[in-house]
Protein backbone atom coordinates (compact mmCIF):
# COMPACT_ATOMS: atom_id res chain seq x y z
CA UNK A 1 106.53 85.64 110.01
CA UNK A 2 104.28 82.62 108.20
CA UNK A 3 102.99 80.79 111.87
CA UNK A 4 102.53 76.93 111.63
CA UNK A 5 100.57 74.79 114.64
CA UNK A 6 100.15 71.44 114.12
CA UNK A 7 97.15 69.56 114.58
CA UNK A 8 97.66 67.71 117.88
CA UNK A 9 98.11 71.05 119.85
CA UNK A 10 95.22 72.74 117.92
CA UNK A 11 93.24 69.82 119.42
CA UNK A 12 94.63 70.54 123.21
CA UNK A 13 92.72 73.86 123.99
CA UNK A 14 94.92 74.16 127.49
CA UNK A 15 98.44 73.74 124.91
CA UNK A 16 97.23 75.86 122.36
CA UNK A 17 96.46 78.91 124.33
CA UNK A 18 99.84 78.96 125.51
CA UNK A 19 101.46 77.90 121.94
CA UNK A 20 99.00 80.91 120.12
CA UNK A 21 100.57 83.39 123.23
CA UNK A 22 104.28 82.42 122.46
CA UNK A 23 103.98 83.00 118.91
CA UNK A 24 102.89 86.24 119.48
CA UNK A 25 105.76 86.71 121.37
CA UNK A 26 107.88 85.05 118.66
CA UNK A 27 106.60 87.24 116.18
CA UNK A 28 106.67 90.21 118.05
CA UNK A 29 110.79 89.56 118.57
CA UNK A 30 111.57 89.11 114.79
CA UNK A 31 112.42 92.23 113.18
CA UNK A 32 111.13 93.12 109.39
CA UNK A 33 113.32 90.25 107.90
CA UNK A 34 110.84 88.04 110.01
CA UNK A 35 108.59 87.86 107.24
CA UNK A 36 110.64 85.30 105.54
CA UNK A 37 110.66 83.46 108.63
CA UNK A 38 108.45 80.04 108.85
CA UNK A 39 107.27 78.96 112.62
CA UNK A 40 106.30 75.41 112.89
CA UNK A 41 105.15 74.02 116.57
CA UNK A 42 104.59 70.25 117.00
CA UNK A 43 104.13 67.70 119.55
CA UNK A 44 107.55 65.36 119.81
CA UNK A 45 108.24 62.24 121.36
CA UNK A 46 111.83 62.81 123.49
CA UNK A 47 112.27 58.75 123.77
CA UNK A 48 114.57 59.14 127.08
CA UNK A 49 113.82 58.15 130.77
CA UNK A 50 113.09 60.33 133.33
CA UNK A 51 112.21 62.94 131.04
CA UNK A 52 108.49 63.74 129.59
CA UNK A 53 106.79 61.73 127.48
CA UNK A 54 106.25 65.09 124.89
CA UNK A 55 107.45 68.03 124.18
CA UNK A 56 106.64 71.14 122.93
CA UNK A 57 109.12 71.96 119.61
CA UNK A 58 109.08 75.07 117.59
CA UNK A 59 111.41 75.10 114.44
CA UNK A 60 112.21 78.59 113.06
CA UNK A 61 113.55 78.22 109.73
CA UNK A 62 114.44 80.86 106.61
CA UNK A 63 115.33 80.72 103.41
CA UNK A 64 118.94 81.88 103.89
CA UNK A 65 120.39 80.39 107.03
CA UNK A 66 118.25 76.97 107.42
CA UNK A 67 116.70 76.36 110.77
CA UNK A 68 116.82 76.51 114.45
CA UNK A 69 114.58 74.81 117.08
CA UNK A 70 114.36 74.70 121.12
CA UNK A 71 111.37 72.37 123.10
CA UNK A 72 109.69 73.16 126.11
CA UNK A 73 107.29 70.99 128.42
CA UNK A 74 103.50 72.15 128.64
CA UNK A 75 104.58 73.95 132.27
CA UNK A 76 107.58 75.79 130.44
CA UNK A 77 105.01 77.57 127.96
CA UNK A 78 103.28 78.43 130.93
CA UNK A 79 106.18 80.55 132.31
CA UNK A 80 105.94 83.87 129.95
CA UNK A 81 109.37 84.99 131.10
CA UNK A 82 111.33 81.90 130.48
CA UNK A 83 109.25 81.60 127.15
CA UNK A 84 110.38 85.04 126.26
CA UNK A 85 113.86 84.41 126.72
CA UNK A 86 114.20 80.73 125.15
CA UNK A 87 112.56 82.53 121.78
CA UNK A 88 114.68 85.82 122.34
CA UNK A 89 117.49 82.85 122.18
CA UNK A 90 116.18 81.13 119.32
CA UNK A 91 115.39 84.29 117.32
CA UNK A 92 119.31 85.21 117.98
CA UNK A 93 120.98 81.09 116.53
CA UNK A 94 118.62 81.79 113.64
CA UNK A 95 120.31 85.02 112.67
CA UNK A 96 123.53 84.13 114.27
CA UNK A 97 123.29 80.98 111.32
CA UNK A 98 122.17 83.47 109.07
CA UNK A 99 125.35 85.84 109.66
CA UNK A 100 127.58 82.76 109.73
CA UNK A 101 126.70 82.01 105.89
CA UNK A 102 126.80 85.22 104.62
CA UNK A 103 130.48 85.86 105.76
CA UNK A 104 131.49 82.66 104.36
CA UNK A 105 129.97 84.00 101.24
CA UNK A 106 131.57 87.11 101.29
CA UNK A 107 134.88 85.68 101.86
CA UNK A 108 134.61 83.35 98.91
CA UNK A 109 133.63 86.30 96.89
CA UNK A 110 136.46 88.02 97.91
CA UNK A 111 138.98 85.22 97.31
CA UNK A 112 137.24 84.50 93.73
CA UNK A 113 138.02 88.40 93.29
CA UNK A 114 141.43 87.98 94.43
CA UNK A 115 142.26 85.03 92.13
CA UNK A 116 141.20 87.55 89.15
C-alpha cells in the first residue's frame, strides 16, 4: 500500500503519531491486493456550524474502482477501536465499489457475447 501523509499532519507531532498508527492499521487490513492501493491522509476543513474546525481525512483509491474516504476528528484518532472499525468499513467500501465495477464489466461482456 502506498501511504501518503500530508506535510500539515507531519508538522504536528501528536497528530502525526496517531495518523501513522492508523496508517499501519489500514495496511494490516488490506489483503495482498492492497499493494495497488493508495492512501492519502490530509487535514480538511468541514465548513459547517457546530462542527470541529478541522478533520483528518483518509482517502483510499485504486486504479480499478476509484476511491472511498472517511474523516476523523483528532479525538477520534485517539480511540483505536473506533479507528480500526472505521478503517475496516472504509476498506470494505472500496472493495464493494471494485466488485460492483467488475460485475458491470462481466455483465457487459456477457451481453456482448449474447449479441454475437
